[in-house]
Amino acid sequence: MIEFLKRIKRSWVAGWQRWRMKREARRAFRFDARQFLDHAGALHLDRKAAACAEIVMGYHVLEKGLTMPHRRLGFGKGAVVHLINLIDAFERRFGVDPQVVHAIGVLRAYRELHRDWPEPMPRLDAFLAAHPDVPPANEPHLTRTDFFAAKDAPFPQFAASRHVVRHFAGPVPKETIEAAVSLALTAPSACNRQHARVHIIDDPALRDWLFAQQGGTRGFGADADKVLVVTSDLSAVRWGWERHDCYTNGGIFVMNLCYALHYYGVAHCILHWSVSPETDRAAHETLGIPANEAIVQVLACGIPPEEFDVAASPRRSIDEILTWHGRGEG
């Protein structure tokens, strides 16, 4: 009788905890939805930060084109006009910003690349004539030796040497991938729950299918030797308030993995997984990823060629991102 009552109690406690978890999760995701609708940049482009972010996304499209391995002249004409319109609107409303200055430099680099292009570009030429003091953006051209030269340098130098690469020319040995993933395991995680999992796509057909769903690898995806799909195990998430843990802990692991790949001489390109629920479910099914694992990020990998270009992608200044709450004294 006592054992029966204990089972009843355990069952009741478990049921109560599930009810509480569902209640917390509903509240938490309602909060997320309201916060997104109130502040997401795409819904509030009248704000400076949102307008600037749209310009960064616009210039990055062209910056990628400038550094693409299979580049064809005449690319991105629509993106050029769109970026010019964004910059004009931003300058009228908010004035000058370092990211906007870089965007103008990217447009000038685009024009210089097309100096012998037979089609006229009157809109771009007039825009650049109105900004004569902005030089062309310098997209670094590197050798493979130079790119990995800081492998054993102090961490500030090593970290600064890592860049996204979209040029792949050779296969990555299985042992190298395993060594990089093993090193990435040093990433911290909440309560050491180690949410991250890694799925290696080593089949060209599956690679091409996945990139078609992701939608951001045109011009270089077919050159990637392997694709690393980083997931986060939702089984390690305990409460509704931890709803972001799978992505924050997964993101920490991804950054550690990028450093590890760079250390082992593997070029990589980080790809977002901003897809519809239907596409996400299809990826789980097609790739055989368990349903309890949330896809966090996708990385295209390969050995780079002897020479290649990378995007400059300038970082914001520390004054723009650092806020002291307190005296700010050492």
C-alpha atoms as a PDB file:
ATOM      1  CA  MET A   1       0.000   0.000   0.000  1.00  0.00           C
ATOM      2  CA  ILE A   2       2.811   2.395   0.904  1.00  0.00           C
ATOM      3  CA  GLU A   3       4.664   1.635  -2.306  1.00  0.00           C
ATOM      4  CA  PHE A   4       1.452   2.231  -4.275  1.00  0.00           C
ATOM      5  CA  LEU A   5       1.001   5.638  -2.640  1.00  0.00           C
ATOM      6  CA  LYS A   6       4.616   6.524  -3.413  1.00  0.00           C
ATOM      7  CA  ARG A   7       4.037   5.713  -7.098  1.00  0.00           C
ATOM      8  CA  ILE A   8       0.916   7.848  -7.081  1.00  0.00           C
ATOM      9  CA  LYS A   9       2.871  10.730  -5.513  1.00  0.00           C
ATOM     10  CA  ARG A  10       5.707  10.430  -8.025  1.00  0.00           C
ATOM     11  CA  SER A  11       3.226  10.370 -10.884  1.00  0.00           C
ATOM     12  CA  TRP A  12       1.433  13.448  -9.517  1.00  0.00           C
ATOM     13  CA  VAL A  13       4.715  15.344  -9.032  1.00  0.00           C
ATOM     14  CA  ALA A  14       5.853  14.478 -12.549  1.00  0.00           C
ATOM     15  CA  GLY A  15       2.521  15.595 -13.998  1.00  0.00           C
ATOM     16  CA  TRP A  16       2.646  18.852 -12.053  1.00  0.00           C
ATOM     17  CA  GLN A  17       6.173  19.550 -13.263  1.00  0.00           C
ATOM     18  CA  ARG A  18       5.146  18.963 -16.888  1.00  0.00           C
ATOM     19  CA  TRP A  19       2.177  21.311 -16.461  1.00  0.00           C
ATOM     20  CA  ARG A  20       4.434  23.969 -14.914  1.00  0.00           C
ATOM     21  CA  MET A  21       6.985  23.551 -17.702  1.00  0.00           C
ATOM     22  CA  LYS A  22       4.333  24.010 -20.403  1.00  0.00           C
ATOM     23  CA  ARG A  23       2.929  27.057 -18.599  1.00  0.00           C
ATOM     24  CA  GLU A  24       6.405  28.622 -18.310  1.00  0.00           C
ATOM     25  CA  ALA A  25       7.173  27.877 -21.957  1.00  0.00           C
ATOM     26  CA  ARG A  26       3.955  29.488 -23.196  1.00  0.00           C
ATOM     27  CA  ARG A  27       4.626  32.619 -21.133  1.00  0.00           C
ATOM     28  CA  ALA A  28       8.246  32.739 -22.254  1.00  0.00           C
ATOM     29  CA  PHE A  29       7.510  32.386 -25.967  1.00  0.00           C
ATOM     30  CA  ARG A  30       4.690  34.940 -25.768  1.00  0.00           C
ATOM     31  CA  PHE A  31       7.245  37.335 -24.273  1.00  0.00           C
ATOM     32  CA  ASP A  32       9.668  36.547 -27.118  1.00  0.00           C
ATOM     33  CA  ALA A  33       6.993  37.168 -29.737  1.00  0.00           C
ATOM     34  CA  ARG A  34       6.033  40.517 -28.211  1.00  0.00           C
ATOM     35  CA  GLN A  35       9.676  41.609 -27.863  1.00  0.00           C
ATOM     36  CA  PHE A  36      10.341  40.656 -31.487  1.00  0.00           C
ATOM     37  CA  LEU A  37       7.311  42.498 -32.817  1.00  0.00           C
ATOM     38  CA  ASP A  38       8.136  45.576 -30.741  1.00  0.00           C
ATOM     39  CA  HIS A  39      11.829  45.822 -31.612  1.00  0.00           C
ATOM     40  CA  ALA A  40      12.880  43.685 -34.606  1.00  0.00           C
ATOM     41  CA  GLY A  41      14.671  45.875 -37.121  1.00  0.00           C
ATOM     42  CA  ALA A  42      12.703  44.691 -40.154  1.00  0.00           C
ATOM     43  CA  LEU A  43       9.545  46.079 -38.525  1.00  0.00           C
ATOM     44  CA  HIS A  44      11.134  49.345 -37.416  1.00  0.00           C
ATOM     45  CA  LEU A  45      13.365  50.601 -40.228  1.00  0.00           C
ATOM     46  CA  ASP A  46      12.826  54.186 -39.062  1.00  0.00           C
ATOM     47  CA  ARG A  47      15.312  53.504 -36.267  1.00  0.00           C
ATOM     48  CA  LYS A  48      18.994  54.228 -36.892  1.00  0.00           C
ATOM     49  CA  ALA A  49      20.282  50.837 -35.770  1.00  0.00           C
ATOM     50  CA  ALA A  50      17.797  49.004 -37.979  1.00  0.00           C
ATOM     51  CA  ALA A  51      18.521  51.197 -41.001  1.00  0.00           C
ATOM     52  CA  CYS A  52      22.260  50.702 -40.515  1.00  0.00           C
ATOM     53  CA  ALA A  53      21.839  46.924 -40.198  1.00  0.00           C
ATOM     54  CA  GLU A  54      19.984  46.856 -43.520  1.00  0.00           C
ATOM     55  CA  ILE A  55      22.885  48.719 -45.145  1.00  0.00           C
ATOM     56  CA  VAL A  56      25.389  46.247 -43.662  1.00  0.00           C
ATOM     57  CA  MET A  57      23.388  43.364 -45.097  1.00  0.00           C
ATOM     58  CA  GLY A  58      23.248  45.184 -48.438  1.00  0.00           C
ATOM     59  CA  TYR A  59      26.977  45.862 -48.698  1.00  0.00           C
ATOM     60  CA  HIS A  60      27.797  42.344 -47.527  1.00  0.00           C
ATOM     61  CA  VAL A  61      25.942  40.935 -50.534  1.00  0.00           C
ATOM     62  CA  LEU A  62      28.272  42.898 -52.812  1.00  0.00           C
ATOM     63  CA  GLU A  63      31.308  42.221 -50.625  1.00  0.00           C
ATOM     64  CA  LYS A  64      30.701  38.493 -51.001  1.00  0.00           C
ATOM     65  CA  GLY A  65      30.406  38.957 -54.759  1.00  0.00           C
ATOM     66  CA  LEU A  66      33.721  40.817 -54.870  1.00  0.00           C
ATOM     67  CA  THR A  67      35.476  37.892 -53.154  1.00  0.00           C
ATOM     68  CA  MET A  68      33.621  34.994 -54.786  1.00  0.00           C
ATOM     69  CA  PRO A  69      35.751  32.259 -56.410  1.00  0.00           C
ATOM     70  CA  HIS A  70      33.604  32.001 -59.571  1.00  0.00           C
ATOM     71  CA  ARG A  71      32.929  35.692 -60.011  1.00  0.00           C
ATOM     72  CA  ARG A  72      31.336  36.993 -63.204  1.00  0.00           C
ATOM     73  CA  LEU A  73      31.259  40.665 -64.107  1.00  0.00           C
ATOM     74  CA  GLY A  74      27.866  42.286 -64.062  1.00  0.00           C
ATOM     75  CA  PHE A  75      26.766  40.572 -60.837  1.00  0.00           C
ATOM     76  CA  GLY A  76      24.578  42.335 -58.312  1.00  0.00           C
ATOM     77  CA  LYS A  77      23.317  45.283 -60.395  1.00  0.00           C
ATOM     78  CA  GLY A  78      20.015  45.320 -58.543  1.00  0.00           C
ATOM     79  CA  ALA A  79      21.810  45.072 -55.203  1.00  0.00           C
ATOM     80  CA  VAL A  80      23.928  48.116 -56.146  1.00  0.00           C
ATOM     81  CA  VAL A  81      20.890  50.313 -56.794  1.00  0.00           C
ATOM     82  CA  HIS A  82      19.173  49.063 -53.632  1.00  0.00           C
ATOM     83  CA  LEU A  83      22.253  49.844 -51.528  1.00  0.00           C
ATOM     84  CA  ILE A  84      22.563  53.337 -53.008  1.00  0.00           C
ATOM     85  CA  ASN A  85      18.931  54.051 -52.123  1.00  0.00           C
ATOM     86  CA  LEU A  86      19.463  52.796 -48.573  1.00  0.00           C
ATOM     87  CA  ILE A  87      22.560  54.976 -48.094  1.00  0.00           C
ATOM     88  CA  ASP A  88      20.847  58.067 -49.495  1.00  0.00           C
ATOM     89  CA  ALA A  89      17.901  57.596 -47.122  1.00  0.00           C
ATOM     90  CA  PHE A  90      20.207  56.951 -44.159  1.00  0.00           C
ATOM     91  CA  GLU A  91      22.391  60.017 -44.784  1.00  0.00           C
ATOM     92  CA  ARG A  92      19.367  62.280 -45.108  1.00  0.00           C
ATOM     93  CA  ARG A  93      17.932  61.040 -41.831  1.00  0.00           C
ATOM     94  CA  PHE A  94      20.933  60.148 -39.644  1.00  0.00           C
ATOM     95  CA  GLY A  95      24.113  61.538 -41.226  1.00  0.00           C
ATOM     96  CA  VAL A  96      27.431  59.683 -41.264  1.00  0.00           C
ATOM     97  CA  ASP A  97      28.211  56.253 -39.813  1.00  0.00           C
ATOM     98  CA  PRO A  98      31.427  54.181 -40.179  1.00  0.00           C
ATOM     99  CA  GLN A  99      29.485  51.201 -41.544  1.00  0.00           C
ATOM    100  CA  VAL A 100      27.868  53.432 -44.155  1.00  0.00           C
ATOM    101  CA  VAL A 101      31.276  54.798 -45.155  1.00  0.00           C
ATOM    102  CA  HIS A 102      32.452  51.224 -45.685  1.00  0.00           C
ATOM    103  CA  ALA A 103      29.353  50.544 -47.777  1.00  0.00           C
ATOM    104  CA  ILE A 104      30.323  53.442 -50.045  1.00  0.00           C
ATOM    105  CA  GLY A 105      33.835  51.981 -50.261  1.00  0.00           C
ATOM    106  CA  VAL A 106      32.365  48.630 -51.335  1.00  0.00           C
ATOM    107  CA  LEU A 107      30.408  50.394 -54.082  1.00  0.00           C
ATOM    108  CA  ARG A 108      33.591  52.117 -55.267  1.00  0.00           C
ATOM    109  CA  ALA A 109      35.441  48.783 -55.288  1.00  0.00           C
ATOM    110  CA  TYR A 110      32.566  47.329 -57.314  1.00  0.00           C
ATOM    111  CA  ARG A 111      32.859  50.185 -59.836  1.00  0.00           C
ATOM    112  CA  GLU A 112      36.617  49.780 -60.141  1.00  0.00           C
ATOM    113  CA  LEU A 113      36.193  46.082 -60.796  1.00  0.00           C
ATOM    114  CA  HIS A 114      33.785  47.026 -63.619  1.00  0.00           C
ATOM    115  CA  ARG A 115      35.906  49.839 -65.083  1.00  0.00           C
ATOM    116  CA  ASP A 116      36.032  48.011 -68.437  1.00  0.00           C
ATOM    117  CA  TRP A 117      32.449  46.765 -68.278  1.00  0.00           C
ATOM    118  CA  PRO A 118      30.689  48.022 -71.440  1.00  0.00           C
ATOM    119  CA  GLU A 119      27.330  48.781 -69.833  1.00  0.00           C
ATOM    120  CA  PRO A 120      27.019  52.307 -68.359  1.00  0.00           C
ATOM    121  CA  MET A 121      26.327  52.752 -64.646  1.00  0.00           C
ATOM    122  CA  PRO A 122      25.064  56.345 -64.416  1.00  0.00           C
ATOM    123  CA  ARG A 123      23.320  55.925 -61.062  1.00  0.00           C
ATOM    124  CA  LEU A 124      26.430  54.475 -59.423  1.00  0.00           C
ATOM    125  CA  ASP A 125      28.760  57.012 -61.066  1.00  0.00           C
ATOM    126  CA  ALA A 126      26.650  59.941 -59.885  1.00  0.00           C
ATOM    127  CA  PHE A 127      26.488  58.524 -56.372  1.00  0.00           C
ATOM    128  CA  LEU A 128      30.264  58.017 -56.159  1.00  0.00           C
ATOM    129  CA  ALA A 129      30.881  61.495 -57.564  1.00  0.00           C
ATOM    130  CA  ALA A 130      28.917  62.846 -54.588  1.00  0.00           C
ATOM    131  CA  HIS A 131      31.249  60.934 -52.211  1.00  0.00           C
ATOM    132  CA  PRO A 132      34.709  61.649 -53.688  1.00  0.00           C
ATOM    133  CA  ASP A 133      36.634  61.251 -50.430  1.00  0.00           C
ATOM    134  CA  VAL A 134      35.724  57.604 -49.782  1.00  0.00           C
ATOM    135  CA  PRO A 135      38.357  55.202 -51.194  1.00  0.00           C
ATOM    136  CA  PRO A 136      37.498  51.716 -52.464  1.00  0.00           C
ATOM    137  CA  ALA A 137      37.106  49.050 -49.784  1.00  0.00           C
ATOM    138  CA  ASN A 138      40.099  46.785 -49.579  1.00  0.00           C
ATOM    139  CA  GLU A 139      39.066  43.133 -49.699  1.00  0.00           C
ATOM    140  CA  PRO A 140      42.183  41.237 -48.504  1.00  0.00           C
ATOM    141  CA  HIS A 141      43.927  38.925 -50.979  1.00  0.00           C
ATOM    142  CA  LEU A 142      45.795  36.209 -49.086  1.00  0.00           C
ATOM    143  CA  THR A 143      47.973  33.201 -49.651  1.00  0.00           C
ATOM    144  CA  ARG A 144      47.166  30.010 -47.782  1.00  0.00           C
ATOM    145  CA  THR A 145      50.467  30.297 -45.914  1.00  0.00           C
ATOM    146  CA  ASP A 146      49.751  33.858 -44.799  1.00  0.00           C
ATOM    147  CA  PHE A 147      46.184  33.038 -43.796  1.00  0.00           C
ATOM    148  CA  PHE A 148      47.254  30.331 -41.359  1.00  0.00           C
ATOM    149  CA  ALA A 149      50.524  31.988 -40.292  1.00  0.00           C
ATOM    150  CA  ALA A 150      49.164  33.012 -36.872  1.00  0.00           C
ATOM    151  CA  LYS A 151      48.257  29.455 -35.858  1.00  0.00           C
ATOM    152  CA  ASP A 152      50.683  29.510 -32.939  1.00  0.00           C
ATOM    153  CA  ALA A 153      50.575  33.260 -32.275  1.00  0.00           C
ATOM    154  CA  PRO A 154      49.170  34.835 -29.080  1.00  0.00           C
ATOM    155  CA  PHE A 155      45.391  34.587 -28.997  1.00  0.00           C
ATOM    156  CA  PRO A 156      44.603  38.237 -29.967  1.00  0.00           C
ATOM    157  CA  GLN A 157      46.643  37.826 -33.152  1.00  0.00           C
ATOM    158  CA  PHE A 158      45.270  34.332 -33.827  1.00  0.00           C
ATOM    159  CA  ALA A 159      41.648  35.457 -33.364  1.00  0.00           C
ATOM    160  CA  ALA A 160      42.117  38.458 -35.654  1.00  0.00           C
ATOM    161  CA  SER A 161      43.543  36.201 -38.380  1.00  0.00           C
ATOM    162  CA  ARG A 162      40.404  34.053 -38.663  1.00  0.00           C
ATOM    163  CA  HIS A 163      38.024  34.962 -41.499  1.00  0.00           C
ATOM    164  CA  VAL A 164      35.128  33.348 -43.271  1.00  0.00           C
ATOM    165  CA  VAL A 165      36.404  31.763 -46.491  1.00  0.00           C
ATOM    166  CA  ARG A 166      34.348  30.906 -49.563  1.00  0.00           C
ATOM    167  CA  HIS A 167      37.178  29.384 -51.573  1.00  0.00           C
ATOM    168  CA  PHE A 168      37.653  25.615 -51.312  1.00  0.00           C
ATOM    169  CA  ALA A 169      40.065  23.561 -53.362  1.00  0.00           C
ATOM    170  CA  GLY A 170      40.708  20.316 -51.533  1.00  0.00           C
ATOM    171  CA  PRO A 171      39.330  17.644 -49.212  1.00  0.00           C
ATOM    172  CA  VAL A 172      39.616  17.786 -45.429  1.00  0.00           C
ATOM    173  CA  PRO A 173      40.891  14.549 -43.847  1.00  0.00           C
ATOM    174  CA  LYS A 174      38.501  12.824 -41.470  1.00  0.00           C
ATOM    175  CA  GLU A 175      41.115  12.959 -38.690  1.00  0.00           C
ATOM    176  CA  THR A 176      41.388  16.739 -39.031  1.00  0.00           C
ATOM    177  CA  ILE A 177      37.633  17.222 -38.617  1.00  0.00           C
ATOM    178  CA  GLU A 178      37.640  14.920 -35.606  1.00  0.00           C
ATOM    179  CA  ALA A 179      40.560  16.818 -34.058  1.00  0.00           C
ATOM    180  CA  ALA A 180      38.775  20.157 -34.556  1.00  0.00           C
ATOM    181  CA  VAL A 181      35.516  18.894 -33.052  1.00  0.00           C
ATOM    182  CA  SER A 182      37.444  17.399 -30.141  1.00  0.00           C
ATOM    183  CA  LEU A 183      39.134  20.752 -29.489  1.00  0.00           C
ATOM    184  CA  ALA A 184      35.780  22.542 -29.757  1.00  0.00           C
ATOM    185  CA  LEU A 185      34.517  20.414 -26.866  1.00  0.00           C
ATOM    186  CA  THR A 186      36.435  22.748 -24.541  1.00  0.00           C
ATOM    187  CA  ALA A 187      33.569  25.243 -25.053  1.00  0.00           C
ATOM    188  CA  PRO A 188      31.676  26.019 -21.829  1.00  0.00           C
ATOM    189  CA  SER A 189      27.996  25.143 -21.484  1.00  0.00           C
ATOM    190  CA  ALA A 190      25.282  25.770 -18.902  1.00  0.00           C
ATOM    191  CA  CYS A 191      25.806  23.429 -15.944  1.00  0.00           C
ATOM    192  CA  ASN A 192      28.236  21.498 -18.168  1.00  0.00           C
ATOM    193  CA  ARG A 193      25.263  19.942 -19.961  1.00  0.00           C
ATOM    194  CA  GLN A 194      27.176  20.016 -23.260  1.00  0.00           C
ATOM    195  CA  HIS A 195      24.197  20.580 -25.549  1.00  0.00           C
ATOM    196  CA  ALA A 196      26.134  20.602 -28.845  1.00  0.00           C
ATOM    197  CA  ARG A 197      26.155  17.802 -31.403  1.00  0.00           C
ATOM    198  CA  VAL A 198      27.856  17.787 -34.835  1.00  0.00           C
ATOM    199  CA  HIS A 199      26.628  16.020 -37.980  1.00  0.00           C
ATOM    200  CA  ILE A 200      29.139  15.713 -40.828  1.00  0.00           C
ATOM    201  CA  ILE A 201      27.723  15.780 -44.361  1.00  0.00           C
ATOM    202  CA  ASP A 202      30.266  14.025 -46.564  1.00  0.00           C
ATOM    203  CA  ASP A 203      27.972  13.222 -49.490  1.00  0.00           C
ATOM    204  CA  PRO A 204      27.890  15.722 -52.409  1.00  0.00           C
ATOM    205  CA  ALA A 205      24.211  15.036 -53.132  1.00  0.00           C
ATOM    206  CA  LEU A 206      23.201  15.680 -49.519  1.00  0.00           C
ATOM    207  CA  ARG A 207      25.464  18.743 -49.442  1.00  0.00           C
ATOM    208  CA  ASP A 208      23.816  20.209 -52.521  1.00  0.00           C
ATOM    209  CA  TRP A 209      20.328  19.468 -51.166  1.00  0.00           C
ATOM    210  CA  LEU A 210      21.114  21.111 -47.826  1.00  0.00           C
ATOM    211  CA  PHE A 211      22.630  24.202 -49.466  1.00  0.00           C
ATOM    212  CA  ALA A 212      19.570  24.518 -51.701  1.00  0.00           C
ATOM    213  CA  GLN A 213      17.405  24.644 -48.570  1.00  0.00           C
ATOM    214  CA  GLN A 214      19.733  27.088 -46.829  1.00  0.00           C
ATOM    215  CA  GLY A 215      19.869  29.388 -49.836  1.00  0.00           C
ATOM    216  CA  GLY A 216      23.122  31.270 -49.267  1.00  0.00           C
ATOM    217  CA  THR A 217      25.901  29.365 -51.021  1.00  0.00           C
ATOM    218  CA  ARG A 218      25.429  30.234 -54.686  1.00  0.00           C
ATOM    219  CA  GLY A 219      28.798  30.560 -56.383  1.00  0.00           C
ATOM    220  CA  PHE A 220      30.868  28.521 -53.919  1.00  0.00           C
ATOM    221  CA  GLY A 221      28.814  25.802 -52.194  1.00  0.00           C
ATOM    222  CA  ALA A 222      29.601  23.136 -54.777  1.00  0.00           C
ATOM    223  CA  ASP A 223      33.305  23.481 -53.927  1.00  0.00           C
ATOM    224  CA  ALA A 224      32.851  22.653 -50.229  1.00  0.00           C
ATOM    225  CA  ASP A 225      34.294  19.282 -49.284  1.00  0.00           C
ATOM    226  CA  LYS A 226      32.297  18.748 -46.105  1.00  0.00           C
ATOM    227  CA  VAL A 227      29.413  20.387 -44.282  1.00  0.00           C
ATOM    228  CA  LEU A 228      29.210  20.515 -40.509  1.00  0.00           C
ATOM    229  CA  VAL A 229      25.688  20.806 -39.110  1.00  0.00           C
ATOM    230  CA  VAL A 230      25.851  21.897 -35.476  1.00  0.00           C
ATOM    231  CA  THR A 231      22.786  21.024 -33.434  1.00  0.00           C
ATOM    232  CA  SER A 232      21.783  21.394 -29.806  1.00  0.00           C
ATOM    233  CA  ASP A 233      20.123  18.641 -27.810  1.00  0.00           C
ATOM    234  CA  LEU A 234      16.846  19.911 -26.368  1.00  0.00           C
ATOM    235  CA  SER A 235      16.935  17.024 -23.895  1.00  0.00           C
ATOM    236  CA  ALA A 236      19.499  19.090 -21.953  1.00  0.00           C
ATOM    237  CA  VAL A 237      17.043  22.009 -21.545  1.00  0.00           C
ATOM    238  CA  ARG A 238      15.147  21.770 -18.270  1.00  0.00           C
ATOM    239  CA  TRP A 239      12.751  24.705 -17.902  1.00  0.00           C
ATOM    240  CA  GLY A 240      10.806  27.158 -20.019  1.00  0.00           C
ATOM    241  CA  TRP A 241      13.041  30.009 -18.893  1.00  0.00           C
ATOM    242  CA  GLU A 242      15.951  28.152 -20.540  1.00  0.00           C
ATOM    243  CA  ARG A 243      14.308  28.349 -23.969  1.00  0.00           C
ATOM    244  CA  HIS A 244      17.334  30.150 -25.475  1.00  0.00           C
ATOM    245  CA  ASP A 245      19.924  27.802 -23.991  1.00  0.00           C
ATOM    246  CA  CYS A 246      20.068  25.471 -26.977  1.00  0.00           C
ATOM    247  CA  TYR A 247      21.076  28.378 -29.223  1.00  0.00           C
ATOM    248  CA  THR A 248      23.315  30.308 -26.817  1.00  0.00           C
ATOM    249  CA  ASN A 249      25.247  27.194 -25.828  1.00  0.00           C
ATOM    250  CA  GLY A 250      25.237  25.971 -29.420  1.00  0.00           C
ATOM    251  CA  GLY A 251      26.558  29.353 -30.559  1.00  0.00           C
ATOM    252  CA  ILE A 252      29.392  29.233 -28.030  1.00  0.00           C
ATOM    253  CA  PHE A 253      30.320  25.798 -29.367  1.00  0.00           C
ATOM    254  CA  VAL A 254      30.190  27.039 -32.985  1.00  0.00           C
ATOM    255  CA  MET A 255      32.654  29.852 -32.267  1.00  0.00           C
ATOM    256  CA  ASN A 256      34.997  27.439 -30.513  1.00  0.00           C
ATOM    257  CA  LEU A 257      34.669  25.088 -33.484  1.00  0.00           C
ATOM    258  CA  CYS A 258      35.565  27.904 -35.894  1.00  0.00           C
ATOM    259  CA  TYR A 259      38.724  28.669 -33.942  1.00  0.00           C
ATOM    260  CA  ALA A 260      39.552  24.953 -33.881  1.00  0.00           C
ATOM    261  CA  LEU A 261      39.063  24.620 -37.648  1.00  0.00           C
ATOM    262  CA  HIS A 262      41.264  27.662 -38.220  1.00  0.00           C
ATOM    263  CA  TYR A 263      43.928  26.203 -35.929  1.00  0.00           C
ATOM    264  CA  TYR A 264      43.946  22.965 -37.930  1.00  0.00           C
ATOM    265  CA  GLY A 265      44.134  24.756 -41.287  1.00  0.00           C
ATOM    266  CA  VAL A 266      40.545  24.233 -42.424  1.00  0.00           C
ATOM    267  CA  ALA A 267      38.783  27.033 -44.311  1.00  0.00           C
ATOM    268  CA  HIS A 268      35.159  27.451 -43.300  1.00  0.00           C
ATOM    269  CA  CYS A 269      32.118  29.580 -44.032  1.00  0.00           C
ATOM    270  CA  ILE A 270      29.458  30.028 -41.339  1.00  0.00           C
ATOM    271  CA  LEU A 271      25.936  29.777 -42.752  1.00  0.00           C
ATOM    272  CA  HIS A 272      22.736  30.765 -40.984  1.00  0.00           C
ATOM    273  CA  TRP A 273      19.838  28.379 -40.545  1.00  0.00           C
ATOM    274  CA  SER A 274      16.997  30.904 -40.829  1.00  0.00           C
ATOM    275  CA  VAL A 275      14.451  28.684 -42.537  1.00  0.00           C
ATOM    276  CA  SER A 276      10.764  27.834 -42.343  1.00  0.00           C
ATOM    277  CA  PRO A 277       9.503  25.104 -39.994  1.00  0.00           C
ATOM    278  CA  GLU A 278       8.768  22.938 -43.042  1.00  0.00           C
ATOM    279  CA  THR A 279      12.366  23.232 -44.275  1.00  0.00           C
ATOM    280  CA  ASP A 280      13.707  22.505 -40.808  1.00  0.00           C
ATOM    281  CA  ARG A 281      11.601  19.347 -40.525  1.00  0.00           C
ATOM    282  CA  ALA A 282      12.688  18.255 -44.005  1.00  0.00           C
ATOM    283  CA  ALA A 283      16.357  18.696 -43.048  1.00  0.00           C
ATOM    284  CA  HIS A 284      15.909  16.591 -39.926  1.00  0.00           C
ATOM    285  CA  GLU A 285      14.273  13.835 -41.957  1.00  0.00           C
ATOM    286  CA  THR A 286      16.591  13.933 -44.975  1.00  0.00           C
ATOM    287  CA  LEU A 287      19.808  14.152 -42.968  1.00  0.00           C
ATOM    288  CA  GLY A 288      18.697  11.761 -40.237  1.00  0.00           C
ATOM    289  CA  ILE A 289      19.036  14.311 -37.440  1.00  0.00           C
ATOM    290  CA  PRO A 290      17.034  13.289 -34.345  1.00  0.00           C
ATOM    291  CA  ALA A 291      13.929  15.379 -33.682  1.00  0.00           C
ATOM    292  CA  ASN A 292      15.203  16.371 -30.220  1.00  0.00           C
ATOM    293  CA  GLU A 293      18.163  18.217 -31.770  1.00  0.00           C
ATOM    294  CA  ALA A 294      17.622  21.835 -32.864  1.00  0.00           C
ATOM    295  CA  ILE A 295      19.753  22.895 -35.847  1.00  0.00           C
ATOM    296  CA  VAL A 296      21.880  25.865 -34.745  1.00  0.00           C
ATOM    297  CA  GLN A 297      24.332  26.530 -37.587  1.00  0.00           C
ATOM    298  CA  VAL A 298      25.754  25.111 -40.782  1.00  0.00           C
ATOM    299  CA  LEU A 299      29.449  25.360 -41.741  1.00  0.00           C
ATOM    300  CA  ALA A 300      30.863  24.747 -45.204  1.00  0.00           C
ATOM    301  CA  CYS A 301      34.445  23.431 -44.999  1.00  0.00           C
ATOM    302  CA  GLY A 302      37.388  22.646 -47.215  1.00  0.00           C
ATOM    303  CA  ILE A 303      41.088  23.209 -47.749  1.00  0.00           C
ATOM    304  CA  PRO A 304      41.577  26.639 -49.372  1.00  0.00           C
ATOM    305  CA  PRO A 305      43.485  27.171 -52.637  1.00  0.00           C
ATOM    306  CA  GLU A 306      46.966  28.672 -52.715  1.00  0.00           C
ATOM    307  CA  GLU A 307      45.519  32.209 -53.056  1.00  0.00           C
ATOM    308  CA  PHE A 308      42.083  33.618 -52.334  1.00  0.00           C
ATOM    309  CA  ASP A 309      40.127  36.698 -51.251  1.00  0.00           C
ATOM    310  CA  VAL A 310      38.195  37.345 -48.054  1.00  0.00           C
ATOM    311  CA  ALA A 311      35.665  40.043 -47.235  1.00  0.00           C
ATOM    312  CA  ALA A 312      36.922  42.964 -45.163  1.00  0.00           C
ATOM    313  CA  SER A 313      33.776  43.100 -42.976  1.00  0.00           C
ATOM    314  CA  PRO A 314      34.989  45.862 -40.621  1.00  0.00           C
ATOM    315  CA  ARG A 315      34.023  45.562 -36.954  1.00  0.00           C
ATOM    316  CA  ARG A 316      32.313  48.247 -34.944  1.00  0.00           C
ATOM    317  CA  SER A 317      34.403  50.239 -32.500  1.00  0.00           C
ATOM    318  CA  ILE A 318      34.397  49.245 -28.842  1.00  0.00           C
ATOM    319  CA  ASP A 319      32.706  52.556 -28.004  1.00  0.00           C
ATOM    320  CA  GLU A 320      29.694  51.491 -30.071  1.00  0.00           C
ATOM    321  CA  ILE A 321      29.155  48.168 -28.303  1.00  0.00           C
ATOM    322  CA  LEU A 322      30.492  48.572 -24.747  1.00  0.00           C
ATOM    323  CA  THR A 323      28.309  50.044 -22.007  1.00  0.00           C
ATOM    324  CA  TRP A 324      29.486  50.441 -18.427  1.00  0.00           C
ATOM    325  CA  HIS A 325      26.898  50.060 -15.669  1.00  0.00           C
ATOM    326  CA  GLY A 326      28.638  51.518 -12.653  1.00  0.00           C
ATOM    327  CA  ARG A 327      31.786  53.524 -12.172  1.00  0.00           C
ATOM    328  CA  GLY A 328      33.691  51.837 -14.992  1.00  0.00           C
ATOM    329  CA  GLU A 329      36.907  51.848 -13.035  1.00  0.00           C
ATOM    330  CA  GLY A 330      39.568  49.174 -13.068  1.00  0.00           C
END
